[in-house]
Amino acid sequence: MSKMPAFAPPTHGYEESPISEQITNLLLAGGTSHAIYAPNDLTTHSVDICKTDVIVIDRNRTPKNQDLIVVELDGEVVLAEILISRSMKVKLRANNRQGIVNDGLNVIGVVTNLIKDQLI
């Protein structure tokens, strides 16, 4: 004869989502932010981002000097640091290239948060 438990276990009916989804949803601020994998590695004086890291970008934020941005350059999506001089000249710096932007800049979004890949 089998015994039946008097009460259901406290976890009965509970499904937990992976921690990465919970953190990503917490970091997304409203409908203008999106979480994506970093399109390229980037090392600056303050941050080291790898292609396996997740970045949260805000599509409606206007980039300021030394912001990290995701931008389209020559048909390629690139993670870069934007440098704006006092004379309003715009320079982009990525690991493999840098230079002054003369034409219009297609900014996809400004990086607002970084989720480092812990499995490397």
PDB file of N, CA and C in Angstrom:
ATOM      1  N   MET A   1       0.835  -1.172   0.000  1.00  0.00           N
ATOM      2  CA  MET A   1       0.000   0.000   0.000  1.00  0.00           C
ATOM      3  C   MET A   1       0.889   1.248   0.000  1.00  0.00           C
ATOM      4  N   SER A   2       0.629   2.161  -0.970  1.00  0.00           N
ATOM      5  CA  SER A   2       1.462   3.363  -1.050  1.00  0.00           C
ATOM      6  C   SER A   2       0.812   4.490  -0.252  1.00  0.00           C
ATOM      7  N   LYS A   3       1.679   5.273   0.314  1.00  0.00           N
ATOM      8  CA  LYS A   3       1.190   6.413   1.099  1.00  0.00           C
ATOM      9  C   LYS A   3       1.082   7.633   0.196  1.00  0.00           C
ATOM     10  N   MET A   4       0.039   8.365   0.338  1.00  0.00           N
ATOM     11  CA  MET A   4      -0.136   9.611  -0.409  1.00  0.00           C
ATOM     12  C   MET A   4       0.299  10.762   0.493  1.00  0.00           C
ATOM     13  N   PRO A   5       1.021  11.720  -0.056  1.00  0.00           N
ATOM     14  CA  PRO A   5       1.427  12.851   0.780  1.00  0.00           C
ATOM     15  C   PRO A   5       0.204  13.674   1.182  1.00  0.00           C
ATOM     16  N   ALA A   6       0.292  14.239   2.364  1.00  0.00           N
ATOM     17  CA  ALA A   6      -0.815  15.043   2.888  1.00  0.00           C
ATOM     18  C   ALA A   6      -0.936  16.374   2.144  1.00  0.00           C
ATOM     19  N   PHE A   7       0.206  16.895   1.716  1.00  0.00           N
ATOM     20  CA  PHE A   7       0.212  18.178   1.020  1.00  0.00           C
ATOM     21  C   PHE A   7       1.043  18.060  -0.258  1.00  0.00           C
ATOM     22  N   ALA A   8       0.676  18.837  -1.268  1.00  0.00           N
ATOM     23  CA  ALA A   8       1.471  18.872  -2.496  1.00  0.00           C
ATOM     24  C   ALA A   8       2.803  19.555  -2.202  1.00  0.00           C
ATOM     25  N   PRO A   9       3.864  19.166  -2.897  1.00  0.00           N
ATOM     26  CA  PRO A   9       5.146  19.830  -2.665  1.00  0.00           C
ATOM     27  C   PRO A   9       5.038  21.319  -3.003  1.00  0.00           C
ATOM     28  N   PRO A  10       5.808  22.153  -2.318  1.00  0.00           N
ATOM     29  CA  PRO A  10       5.704  23.602  -2.542  1.00  0.00           C
ATOM     30  C   PRO A  10       6.080  24.024  -3.963  1.00  0.00           C
ATOM     31  N   THR A  11       6.808  23.195  -4.696  1.00  0.00           N
ATOM     32  CA  THR A  11       7.210  23.546  -6.056  1.00  0.00           C
ATOM     33  C   THR A  11       6.250  23.007  -7.105  1.00  0.00           C
ATOM     34  N   HIS A  12       5.185  22.381  -6.688  1.00  0.00           N
ATOM     35  CA  HIS A  12       4.218  21.801  -7.614  1.00  0.00           C
ATOM     36  C   HIS A  12       3.628  22.897  -8.507  1.00  0.00           C
ATOM     37  N   GLY A  13       3.743  22.722  -9.827  1.00  0.00           N
ATOM     38  CA  GLY A  13       3.175  23.677 -10.774  1.00  0.00           C
ATOM     39  C   GLY A  13       4.052  24.886 -11.048  1.00  0.00           C
ATOM     40  N   TYR A  14       5.222  24.943 -10.444  1.00  0.00           N
ATOM     41  CA  TYR A  14       6.106  26.094 -10.627  1.00  0.00           C
ATOM     42  C   TYR A  14       7.157  25.771 -11.676  1.00  0.00           C
ATOM     43  N   GLU A  15       7.266  26.625 -12.662  1.00  0.00           N
ATOM     44  CA  GLU A  15       8.297  26.471 -13.685  1.00  0.00           C
ATOM     45  C   GLU A  15       9.202  27.696 -13.631  1.00  0.00           C
ATOM     46  N   GLU A  16      10.469  27.436 -13.520  1.00  0.00           N
ATOM     47  CA  GLU A  16      11.431  28.531 -13.423  1.00  0.00           C
ATOM     48  C   GLU A  16      12.097  28.753 -14.768  1.00  0.00           C
ATOM     49  N   SER A  17      12.162  30.018 -15.182  1.00  0.00           N
ATOM     50  CA  SER A  17      12.869  30.332 -16.423  1.00  0.00           C
ATOM     51  C   SER A  17      14.351  30.454 -16.118  1.00  0.00           C
ATOM     52  N   PRO A  18      15.196  30.251 -17.125  1.00  0.00           N
ATOM     53  CA  PRO A  18      16.641  30.373 -16.902  1.00  0.00           C
ATOM     54  C   PRO A  18      16.998  31.755 -16.362  1.00  0.00           C
ATOM     55  N   ILE A  19      18.030  31.818 -15.539  1.00  0.00           N
ATOM     56  CA  ILE A  19      18.435  33.074 -14.907  1.00  0.00           C
ATOM     57  C   ILE A  19      18.793  34.135 -15.940  1.00  0.00           C
ATOM     58  N   SER A  20      19.348  33.718 -17.071  1.00  0.00           N
ATOM     59  CA  SER A  20      19.732  34.699 -18.088  1.00  0.00           C
ATOM     60  C   SER A  20      18.512  35.458 -18.611  1.00  0.00           C
ATOM     61  N   GLU A  21      17.390  34.755 -18.787  1.00  0.00           N
ATOM     62  CA  GLU A  21      16.171  35.429 -19.242  1.00  0.00           C
ATOM     63  C   GLU A  21      15.661  36.400 -18.185  1.00  0.00           C
ATOM     64  N   GLN A  22      15.745  36.027 -16.918  1.00  0.00           N
ATOM     65  CA  GLN A  22      15.273  36.890 -15.845  1.00  0.00           C
ATOM     66  C   GLN A  22      16.100  38.168 -15.764  1.00  0.00           C
ATOM     67  N   ILE A  23      17.420  38.031 -15.867  1.00  0.00           N
ATOM     68  CA  ILE A  23      18.289  39.201 -15.800  1.00  0.00           C
ATOM     69  C   ILE A  23      18.066  40.100 -17.000  1.00  0.00           C
ATOM     70  N   THR A  24      17.990  39.515 -18.176  1.00  0.00           N
ATOM     71  CA  THR A  24      17.786  40.305 -19.386  1.00  0.00           C
ATOM     72  C   THR A  24      16.485  41.087 -19.306  1.00  0.00           C
ATOM     73  N   ASN A  25      15.411  40.449 -18.880  1.00  0.00           N
ATOM     74  CA  ASN A  25      14.127  41.146 -18.762  1.00  0.00           C
ATOM     75  C   ASN A  25      14.190  42.265 -17.737  1.00  0.00           C
ATOM     76  N   LEU A  26      14.953  42.084 -16.674  1.00  0.00           N
ATOM     77  CA  LEU A  26      15.103  43.117 -15.650  1.00  0.00           C
ATOM     78  C   LEU A  26      15.847  44.329 -16.207  1.00  0.00           C
ATOM     79  N   LEU A  27      16.832  44.091 -17.055  1.00  0.00           N
ATOM     80  CA  LEU A  27      17.643  45.182 -17.585  1.00  0.00           C
ATOM     81  C   LEU A  27      16.992  45.930 -18.737  1.00  0.00           C
ATOM     82  N   LEU A  28      15.994  45.337 -19.366  1.00  0.00           N
ATOM     83  CA  LEU A  28      15.318  46.015 -20.465  1.00  0.00           C
ATOM     84  C   LEU A  28      14.390  47.076 -19.899  1.00  0.00           C
ATOM     85  N   ALA A  29      14.618  48.312 -20.288  1.00  0.00           N
ATOM     86  CA  ALA A  29      13.835  49.426 -19.744  1.00  0.00           C
ATOM     87  C   ALA A  29      12.763  49.832 -20.748  1.00  0.00           C
ATOM     88  N   GLY A  30      11.592  49.272 -20.620  1.00  0.00           N
ATOM     89  CA  GLY A  30      10.497  49.649 -21.511  1.00  0.00           C
ATOM     90  C   GLY A  30      10.642  49.037 -22.883  1.00  0.00           C
ATOM     91  N   GLY A  31       9.964  49.603 -23.862  1.00  0.00           N
ATOM     92  CA  GLY A  31       9.920  49.026 -25.191  1.00  0.00           C
ATOM     93  C   GLY A  31      11.024  49.468 -26.128  1.00  0.00           C
ATOM     94  N   THR A  32      11.914  50.363 -25.697  1.00  0.00           N
ATOM     95  CA  THR A  32      12.946  50.854 -26.608  1.00  0.00           C
ATOM     96  C   THR A  32      14.274  50.139 -26.434  1.00  0.00           C
ATOM     97  N   SER A  33      14.385  49.248 -25.459  1.00  0.00           N
ATOM     98  CA  SER A  33      15.626  48.520 -25.225  1.00  0.00           C
ATOM     99  C   SER A  33      15.532  47.111 -25.779  1.00  0.00           C
ATOM    100  N   HIS A  34      16.685  46.626 -26.250  1.00  0.00           N
ATOM    101  CA  HIS A  34      16.769  45.287 -26.813  1.00  0.00           C
ATOM    102  C   HIS A  34      18.063  44.644 -26.351  1.00  0.00           C
ATOM    103  N   ALA A  35      18.020  43.345 -26.106  1.00  0.00           N
ATOM    104  CA  ALA A  35      19.212  42.597 -25.737  1.00  0.00           C
ATOM    105  C   ALA A  35      19.709  41.845 -26.959  1.00  0.00           C
ATOM    106  N   ILE A  36      20.992  42.023 -27.273  1.00  0.00           N
ATOM    107  CA  ILE A  36      21.598  41.352 -28.421  1.00  0.00           C
ATOM    108  C   ILE A  36      22.991  40.865 -28.022  1.00  0.00           C
ATOM    109  N   TYR A  37      23.522  39.924 -28.797  1.00  0.00           N
ATOM    110  CA  TYR A  37      24.920  39.551 -28.610  1.00  0.00           C
ATOM    111  C   TYR A  37      25.789  40.645 -29.209  1.00  0.00           C
ATOM    112  N   ALA A  38      26.910  40.920 -28.563  1.00  0.00           N
ATOM    113  CA  ALA A  38      27.836  41.921 -29.081  1.00  0.00           C
ATOM    114  C   ALA A  38      28.299  41.501 -30.475  1.00  0.00           C
ATOM    115  N   PRO A  39      28.221  42.401 -31.464  1.00  0.00           N
ATOM    116  CA  PRO A  39      28.600  42.023 -32.825  1.00  0.00           C
ATOM    117  C   PRO A  39      30.104  41.824 -33.015  1.00  0.00           C
ATOM    118  N   ASN A  40      30.909  42.364 -32.107  1.00  0.00           N
ATOM    119  CA  ASN A  40      32.362  42.213 -32.193  1.00  0.00           C
ATOM    120  C   ASN A  40      32.964  42.443 -30.807  1.00  0.00           C
ATOM    121  N   ASP A  41      34.223  42.057 -30.653  1.00  0.00           N
ATOM    122  CA  ASP A  41      34.943  42.343 -29.415  1.00  0.00           C
ATOM    123  C   ASP A  41      35.264  43.834 -29.378  1.00  0.00           C
ATOM    124  N   LEU A  42      35.331  44.392 -28.160  1.00  0.00           N
ATOM    125  CA  LEU A  42      35.704  45.793 -27.999  1.00  0.00           C
ATOM    126  C   LEU A  42      36.372  45.968 -26.653  1.00  0.00           C
ATOM    127  N   THR A  43      37.553  46.572 -26.664  1.00  0.00           N
ATOM    128  CA  THR A  43      38.258  46.876 -25.430  1.00  0.00           C
ATOM    129  C   THR A  43      38.512  48.373 -25.399  1.00  0.00           C
ATOM    130  N   THR A  44      38.038  49.018 -24.335  1.00  0.00           N
ATOM    131  CA  THR A  44      38.303  50.440 -24.140  1.00  0.00           C
ATOM    132  C   THR A  44      38.997  50.596 -22.793  1.00  0.00           C
ATOM    133  N   HIS A  45      39.221  51.840 -22.384  1.00  0.00           N
ATOM    134  CA  HIS A  45      39.868  52.078 -21.098  1.00  0.00           C
ATOM    135  C   HIS A  45      39.007  51.618 -19.919  1.00  0.00           C
ATOM    136  N   SER A  46      37.701  51.465 -20.137  1.00  0.00           N
ATOM    137  CA  SER A  46      36.818  51.138 -19.012  1.00  0.00           C
ATOM    138  C   SER A  46      36.083  49.801 -19.135  1.00  0.00           C
ATOM    139  N   VAL A  47      36.117  49.157 -20.301  1.00  0.00           N
ATOM    140  CA  VAL A  47      35.323  47.945 -20.478  1.00  0.00           C
ATOM    141  C   VAL A  47      35.993  46.996 -21.469  1.00  0.00           C
ATOM    142  N   ASP A  48      35.723  45.714 -21.263  1.00  0.00           N
ATOM    143  CA  ASP A  48      36.208  44.678 -22.175  1.00  0.00           C
ATOM    144  C   ASP A  48      35.002  43.821 -22.553  1.00  0.00           C
ATOM    145  N   ILE A  49      34.551  43.940 -23.794  1.00  0.00           N
ATOM    146  CA  ILE A  49      33.364  43.235 -24.260  1.00  0.00           C
ATOM    147  C   ILE A  49      33.780  42.183 -25.279  1.00  0.00           C
ATOM    148  N   CYS A  50      33.245  40.970 -25.125  1.00  0.00           N
ATOM    149  CA  CYS A  50      33.526  39.869 -26.053  1.00  0.00           C
ATOM    150  C   CYS A  50      32.277  39.592 -26.884  1.00  0.00           C
ATOM    151  N   LYS A  51      32.466  38.927 -28.025  1.00  0.00           N
ATOM    152  CA  LYS A  51      31.345  38.598 -28.912  1.00  0.00           C
ATOM    153  C   LYS A  51      30.305  37.721 -28.236  1.00  0.00           C
ATOM    154  N   THR A  52      30.684  36.987 -27.200  1.00  0.00           N
ATOM    155  CA  THR A  52      29.743  36.100 -26.525  1.00  0.00           C
ATOM    156  C   THR A  52      28.961  36.804 -25.417  1.00  0.00           C
ATOM    157  N   ASP A  53      29.271  38.067 -25.154  1.00  0.00           N
ATOM    158  CA  ASP A  53      28.553  38.836 -24.139  1.00  0.00           C
ATOM    159  C   ASP A  53      27.236  39.354 -24.717  1.00  0.00           C
ATOM    160  N   VAL A  54      26.274  39.562 -23.839  1.00  0.00           N
ATOM    161  CA  VAL A  54      25.001  40.153 -24.236  1.00  0.00           C
ATOM    162  C   VAL A  54      25.043  41.632 -23.856  1.00  0.00           C
ATOM    163  N   ILE A  55      24.667  42.478 -24.797  1.00  0.00           N
ATOM    164  CA  ILE A  55      24.571  43.907 -24.503  1.00  0.00           C
ATOM    165  C   ILE A  55      23.121  44.342 -24.624  1.00  0.00           C
ATOM    166  N   VAL A  56      22.742  45.283 -23.790  1.00  0.00           N
ATOM    167  CA  VAL A  56      21.403  45.867 -23.852  1.00  0.00           C
ATOM    168  C   VAL A  56      21.564  47.235 -24.490  1.00  0.00           C
ATOM    169  N   ILE A  57      20.830  47.461 -25.577  1.00  0.00           N
ATOM    170  CA  ILE A  57      20.920  48.742 -26.274  1.00  0.00           C
ATOM    171  C   ILE A  57      19.573  49.452 -26.215  1.00  0.00           C
ATOM    172  N   ASP A  58      19.631  50.773 -26.153  1.00  0.00           N
ATOM    173  CA  ASP A  58      18.428  51.614 -26.195  1.00  0.00           C
ATOM    174  C   ASP A  58      18.421  52.319 -27.539  1.00  0.00           C
ATOM    175  N   ARG A  59      17.398  52.054 -28.332  1.00  0.00           N
ATOM    176  CA  ARG A  59      17.317  52.615 -29.682  1.00  0.00           C
ATOM    177  C   ARG A  59      16.931  54.099 -29.697  1.00  0.00           C
ATOM    178  N   ASN A  60      16.380  54.598 -28.611  1.00  0.00           N
ATOM    179  CA  ASN A  60      15.915  55.986 -28.590  1.00  0.00           C
ATOM    180  C   ASN A  60      16.876  56.946 -27.902  1.00  0.00           C
ATOM    181  N   ARG A  61      17.937  56.440 -27.324  1.00  0.00           N
ATOM    182  CA  ARG A  61      18.894  57.302 -26.609  1.00  0.00           C
ATOM    183  C   ARG A  61      19.840  57.958 -27.607  1.00  0.00           C
ATOM    184  N   THR A  62      20.107  59.235 -27.404  1.00  0.00           N
ATOM    185  CA  THR A  62      21.054  59.961 -28.240  1.00  0.00           C
ATOM    186  C   THR A  62      22.462  59.734 -27.689  1.00  0.00           C
ATOM    187  N   PRO A  63      23.405  59.302 -28.551  1.00  0.00           N
ATOM    188  CA  PRO A  63      24.756  59.034 -28.051  1.00  0.00           C
ATOM    189  C   PRO A  63      25.458  60.303 -27.580  1.00  0.00           C
ATOM    190  N   LYS A  64      26.217  60.142 -26.493  1.00  0.00           N
ATOM    191  CA  LYS A  64      27.048  61.221 -25.963  1.00  0.00           C
ATOM    192  C   LYS A  64      28.504  60.805 -26.093  1.00  0.00           C
ATOM    193  N   ASN A  65      29.403  61.744 -25.839  1.00  0.00           N
ATOM    194  CA  ASN A  65      30.832  61.477 -25.925  1.00  0.00           C
ATOM    195  C   ASN A  65      31.221  60.277 -25.051  1.00  0.00           C
ATOM    196  N   GLN A  66      31.975  59.360 -25.601  1.00  0.00           N
ATOM    197  CA  GLN A  66      32.505  58.153 -24.974  1.00  0.00           C
ATOM    198  C   GLN A  66      31.445  57.092 -24.673  1.00  0.00           C
ATOM    199  N   ASP A  67      30.251  57.231 -25.246  1.00  0.00           N
ATOM    200  CA  ASP A  67      29.255  56.163 -25.135  1.00  0.00           C
ATOM    201  C   ASP A  67      29.672  55.008 -26.030  1.00  0.00           C
ATOM    202  N   LEU A  68      29.257  53.814 -25.654  1.00  0.00           N
ATOM    203  CA  LEU A  68      29.404  52.659 -26.527  1.00  0.00           C
ATOM    204  C   LEU A  68      28.132  52.559 -27.342  1.00  0.00           C
ATOM    205  N   ILE A  69      28.283  52.390 -28.645  1.00  0.00           N
ATOM    206  CA  ILE A  69      27.124  52.349 -29.533  1.00  0.00           C
ATOM    207  C   ILE A  69      27.229  51.154 -30.474  1.00  0.00           C
ATOM    208  N   VAL A  70      26.082  50.734 -30.974  1.00  0.00           N
ATOM    209  CA  VAL A  70      26.026  49.773 -32.064  1.00  0.00           C
ATOM    210  C   VAL A  70      25.636  50.590 -33.280  1.00  0.00           C
ATOM    211  N   VAL A  71      26.467  50.501 -34.310  1.00  0.00           N
ATOM    212  CA  VAL A  71      26.320  51.357 -35.476  1.00  0.00           C
ATOM    213  C   VAL A  71      26.497  50.521 -36.743  1.00  0.00           C
ATOM    214  N   GLU A  72      25.870  50.968 -37.816  1.00  0.00           N
ATOM    215  CA  GLU A  72      26.060  50.310 -39.109  1.00  0.00           C
ATOM    216  C   GLU A  72      27.088  51.098 -39.902  1.00  0.00           C
ATOM    217  N   LEU A  73      28.183  50.417 -40.272  1.00  0.00           N
ATOM    218  CA  LEU A  73      29.245  51.029 -41.068  1.00  0.00           C
ATOM    219  C   LEU A  73      29.503  50.167 -42.294  1.00  0.00           C
ATOM    220  N   ASP A  74      29.367  50.738 -43.447  1.00  0.00           N
ATOM    221  CA  ASP A  74      29.632  50.031 -44.704  1.00  0.00           C
ATOM    222  C   ASP A  74      28.885  48.701 -44.770  1.00  0.00           C
ATOM    223  N   GLY A  75      27.637  48.677 -44.321  1.00  0.00           N
ATOM    224  CA  GLY A  75      26.815  47.476 -44.366  1.00  0.00           C
ATOM    225  C   GLY A  75      27.104  46.468 -43.266  1.00  0.00           C
ATOM    226  N   GLU A  76      27.992  46.800 -42.345  1.00  0.00           N
ATOM    227  CA  GLU A  76      28.362  45.897 -41.252  1.00  0.00           C
ATOM    228  C   GLU A  76      27.928  46.502 -39.915  1.00  0.00           C
ATOM    229  N   VAL A  77      27.390  45.670 -39.027  1.00  0.00           N
ATOM    230  CA  VAL A  77      26.996  46.124 -37.694  1.00  0.00           C
ATOM    231  C   VAL A  77      28.214  46.017 -36.775  1.00  0.00           C
ATOM    232  N   VAL A  78      28.557  47.140 -36.125  1.00  0.00           N
ATOM    233  CA  VAL A  78      29.790  47.228 -35.349  1.00  0.00           C
ATOM    234  C   VAL A  78      29.497  47.827 -33.976  1.00  0.00           C
ATOM    235  N   LEU A  79      30.163  47.288 -32.961  1.00  0.00           N
ATOM    236  CA  LEU A  79      30.150  47.872 -31.623  1.00  0.00           C
ATOM    237  C   LEU A  79      31.356  48.790 -31.532  1.00  0.00           C
ATOM    238  N   ALA A  80      31.136  50.057 -31.185  1.00  0.00           N
ATOM    239  CA  ALA A  80      32.233  51.028 -31.174  1.00  0.00           C
ATOM    240  C   ALA A  80      32.018  52.051 -30.061  1.00  0.00           C
ATOM    241  N   GLU A  81      33.088  52.749 -29.738  1.00  0.00           N
ATOM    242  CA  GLU A  81      33.018  53.877 -28.808  1.00  0.00           C
ATOM    243  C   GLU A  81      32.940  55.135 -29.659  1.00  0.00           C
ATOM    244  N   ILE A  82      32.035  56.038 -29.301  1.00  0.00           N
ATOM    245  CA  ILE A  82      31.889  57.280 -30.054  1.00  0.00           C
ATOM    246  C   ILE A  82      32.603  58.394 -29.285  1.00  0.00           C
ATOM    247  N   LEU A  83      33.386  59.162 -30.004  1.00  0.00           N
ATOM    248  CA  LEU A  83      34.107  60.296 -29.426  1.00  0.00           C
ATOM    249  C   LEU A  83      33.661  61.546 -30.164  1.00  0.00           C
ATOM    250  N   ILE A  84      33.117  62.506 -29.430  1.00  0.00           N
ATOM    251  CA  ILE A  84      32.609  63.736 -30.034  1.00  0.00           C
ATOM    252  C   ILE A  84      33.461  64.890 -29.519  1.00  0.00           C
ATOM    253  N   SER A  85      34.125  65.594 -30.444  1.00  0.00           N
ATOM    254  CA  SER A  85      34.999  66.697 -30.042  1.00  0.00           C
ATOM    255  C   SER A  85      34.184  67.952 -29.768  1.00  0.00           C
ATOM    256  N   ARG A  86      34.845  68.964 -29.233  1.00  0.00           N
ATOM    257  CA  ARG A  86      34.161  70.239 -28.959  1.00  0.00           C
ATOM    258  C   ARG A  86      33.655  70.877 -30.247  1.00  0.00           C
ATOM    259  N   SER A  87      34.366  70.607 -31.349  1.00  0.00           N
ATOM    260  CA  SER A  87      33.945  71.165 -32.639  1.00  0.00           C
ATOM    261  C   SER A  87      32.905  70.271 -33.312  1.00  0.00           C
ATOM    262  N   MET A  88      32.372  69.283 -32.553  1.00  0.00           N
ATOM    263  CA  MET A  88      31.320  68.373 -32.989  1.00  0.00           C
ATOM    264  C   MET A  88      31.767  67.406 -34.088  1.00  0.00           C
ATOM    265  N   LYS A  89      33.078  67.175 -34.204  1.00  0.00           N
ATOM    266  CA  LYS A  89      33.557  66.126 -35.104  1.00  0.00           C
ATOM    267  C   LYS A  89      33.337  64.791 -34.397  1.00  0.00           C
ATOM    268  N   VAL A  90      32.853  63.814 -35.157  1.00  0.00           N
ATOM    269  CA  VAL A  90      32.535  62.508 -34.595  1.00  0.00           C
ATOM    270  C   VAL A  90      33.599  61.505 -35.035  1.00  0.00           C
ATOM    271  N   LYS A  91      34.153  60.813 -34.057  1.00  0.00           N
ATOM    272  CA  LYS A  91      35.158  59.784 -34.321  1.00  0.00           C
ATOM    273  C   LYS A  91      34.670  58.491 -33.687  1.00  0.00           C
ATOM    274  N   LEU A  92      34.803  57.390 -34.402  1.00  0.00           N
ATOM    275  CA  LEU A  92      34.448  56.077 -33.869  1.00  0.00           C
ATOM    276  C   LEU A  92      35.714  55.281 -33.632  1.00  0.00           C
ATOM    277  N   ARG A  93      35.703  54.505 -32.531  1.00  0.00           N
ATOM    278  CA  ARG A  93      36.852  53.669 -32.225  1.00  0.00           C
ATOM    279  C   ARG A  93      36.360  52.262 -31.904  1.00  0.00           C
ATOM    280  N   ALA A  94      36.809  51.316 -32.721  1.00  0.00           N
ATOM    281  CA  ALA A  94      36.568  49.897 -32.478  1.00  0.00           C
ATOM    282  C   ALA A  94      37.939  49.233 -32.438  1.00  0.00           C
ATOM    283  N   ASN A  95      38.001  47.969 -32.032  1.00  0.00           N
ATOM    284  CA  ASN A  95      39.304  47.316 -31.896  1.00  0.00           C
ATOM    285  C   ASN A  95      40.119  47.310 -33.177  1.00  0.00           C
ATOM    286  N   ASN A  96      39.472  47.030 -34.281  1.00  0.00           N
ATOM    287  CA  ASN A  96      40.228  46.855 -35.509  1.00  0.00           C
ATOM    288  C   ASN A  96      40.256  48.093 -36.400  1.00  0.00           C
ATOM    289  N   ARG A  97      39.550  49.129 -36.035  1.00  0.00           N
ATOM    290  CA  ARG A  97      39.565  50.344 -36.856  1.00  0.00           C
ATOM    291  C   ARG A  97      39.067  51.541 -36.063  1.00  0.00           C
ATOM    292  N   GLN A  98      39.464  52.695 -36.550  1.00  0.00           N
ATOM    293  CA  GLN A  98      38.970  53.945 -35.986  1.00  0.00           C
ATOM    294  C   GLN A  98      39.101  55.028 -37.030  1.00  0.00           C
ATOM    295  N   GLY A  99      38.322  56.075 -36.859  1.00  0.00           N
ATOM    296  CA  GLY A  99      38.393  57.164 -37.819  1.00  0.00           C
ATOM    297  C   GLY A  99      37.279  58.165 -37.619  1.00  0.00           C
ATOM    298  N   ILE A 100      37.398  59.266 -38.306  1.00  0.00           N
ATOM    299  CA  ILE A 100      36.409  60.343 -38.247  1.00  0.00           C
ATOM    300  C   ILE A 100      35.273  60.003 -39.197  1.00  0.00           C
ATOM    301  N   VAL A 101      34.058  60.243 -38.750  1.00  0.00           N
ATOM    302  CA  VAL A 101      32.873  59.976 -39.564  1.00  0.00           C
ATOM    303  C   VAL A 101      32.503  61.261 -40.282  1.00  0.00           C
ATOM    304  N   ASN A 102      32.551  61.210 -41.611  1.00  0.00           N
ATOM    305  CA  ASN A 102      32.221  62.390 -42.407  1.00  0.00           C
ATOM    306  C   ASN A 102      30.773  62.374 -42.872  1.00  0.00           C
ATOM    307  N   ASP A 103      30.262  61.192 -43.166  1.00  0.00           N
ATOM    308  CA  ASP A 103      28.892  61.067 -43.647  1.00  0.00           C
ATOM    309  C   ASP A 103      27.956  60.854 -42.461  1.00  0.00           C
ATOM    310  N   GLY A 104      26.664  60.744 -42.767  1.00  0.00           N
ATOM    311  CA  GLY A 104      25.682  60.474 -41.726  1.00  0.00           C
ATOM    312  C   GLY A 104      25.978  59.161 -41.014  1.00  0.00           C
ATOM    313  N   LEU A 105      25.676  59.109 -39.776  1.00  0.00           N
ATOM    314  CA  LEU A 105      25.964  57.950 -38.942  1.00  0.00           C
ATOM    315  C   LEU A 105      24.661  57.225 -38.643  1.00  0.00           C
ATOM    316  N   ASN A 106      24.590  55.936 -38.963  1.00  0.00           N
ATOM    317  CA  ASN A 106      23.391  55.141 -38.702  1.00  0.00           C
ATOM    318  C   ASN A 106      23.559  54.410 -37.371  1.00  0.00           C
ATOM    319  N   VAL A 107      23.170  55.084 -36.282  1.00  0.00           N
ATOM    320  CA  VAL A 107      23.278  54.503 -34.946  1.00  0.00           C
ATOM    321  C   VAL A 107      22.083  53.594 -34.713  1.00  0.00           C
ATOM    322  N   ILE A 108      22.358  52.338 -34.393  1.00  0.00           N
ATOM    323  CA  ILE A 108      21.295  51.380 -34.096  1.00  0.00           C
ATOM    324  C   ILE A 108      20.839  51.534 -32.657  1.00  0.00           C
ATOM    325  N   GLY A 109      21.774  51.772 -31.745  1.00  0.00           N
ATOM    326  CA  GLY A 109      21.414  51.964 -30.346  1.00  0.00           C
ATOM    327  C   GLY A 109      22.623  52.258 -29.492  1.00  0.00           C
ATOM    328  N   VAL A 110      22.353  52.800 -28.305  1.00  0.00           N
ATOM    329  CA  VAL A 110      23.391  53.102 -27.319  1.00  0.00           C
ATOM    330  C   VAL A 110      23.388  51.985 -26.279  1.00  0.00           C
ATOM    331  N   VAL A 111      24.573  51.480 -25.944  1.00  0.00           N
ATOM    332  CA  VAL A 111      24.686  50.405 -24.959  1.00  0.00           C
ATOM    333  C   VAL A 111      24.364  50.953 -23.572  1.00  0.00           C
ATOM    334  N   THR A 112      23.414  50.293 -22.891  1.00  0.00           N
ATOM    335  CA  THR A 112      23.027  50.720 -21.551  1.00  0.00           C
ATOM    336  C   THR A 112      23.448  49.727 -20.477  1.00  0.00           C
ATOM    337  N   ASN A 113      23.589  48.458 -20.834  1.00  0.00           N
ATOM    338  CA  ASN A 113      23.986  47.431 -19.869  1.00  0.00           C
ATOM    339  C   ASN A 113      24.780  46.341 -20.576  1.00  0.00           C
ATOM    340  N   LEU A 114      25.538  45.609 -19.789  1.00  0.00           N
ATOM    341  CA  LEU A 114      26.369  44.529 -20.301  1.00  0.00           C
ATOM    342  C   LEU A 114      26.194  43.305 -19.418  1.00  0.00           C
ATOM    343  N   ILE A 115      25.960  42.166 -20.040  1.00  0.00           N
ATOM    344  CA  ILE A 115      25.869  40.895 -19.314  1.00  0.00           C
ATOM    345  C   ILE A 115      27.026  40.034 -19.813  1.00  0.00           C
ATOM    346  N   LYS A 116      28.049  39.884 -18.959  1.00  0.00           N
ATOM    347  CA  LYS A 116      29.244  39.130 -19.336  1.00  0.00           C
ATOM    348  C   LYS A 116      28.929  37.656 -19.421  1.00  0.00           C
ATOM    349  N   ASP A 117      29.502  36.995 -20.420  1.00  0.00           N
ATOM    350  CA  ASP A 117      29.374  35.552 -20.568  1.00  0.00           C
ATOM    351  C   ASP A 117      30.251  34.888 -19.515  1.00  0.00           C
ATOM    352  N   GLN A 118      29.657  34.137 -18.624  1.00  0.00           N
ATOM    353  CA  GLN A 118      30.395  33.518 -17.528  1.00  0.00           C
ATOM    354  C   GLN A 118      30.938  32.141 -17.874  1.00  0.00           C
ATOM    355  N   LEU A 119      30.715  31.672 -19.088  1.00  0.00           N
ATOM    356  CA  LEU A 119      31.106  30.313 -19.450  1.00  0.00           C
ATOM    357  C   LEU A 119      32.422  30.254 -20.202  1.00  0.00           C
ATOM    358  N   ILE A 120      33.115  31.377 -20.346  1.00  0.00           N
ATOM    359  CA  ILE A 120      34.379  31.334 -21.069  1.00  0.00           C
ATOM    360  C   ILE A 120      35.499  30.996 -20.114  1.00  0.00           C
TER     361      ILE A 120
END
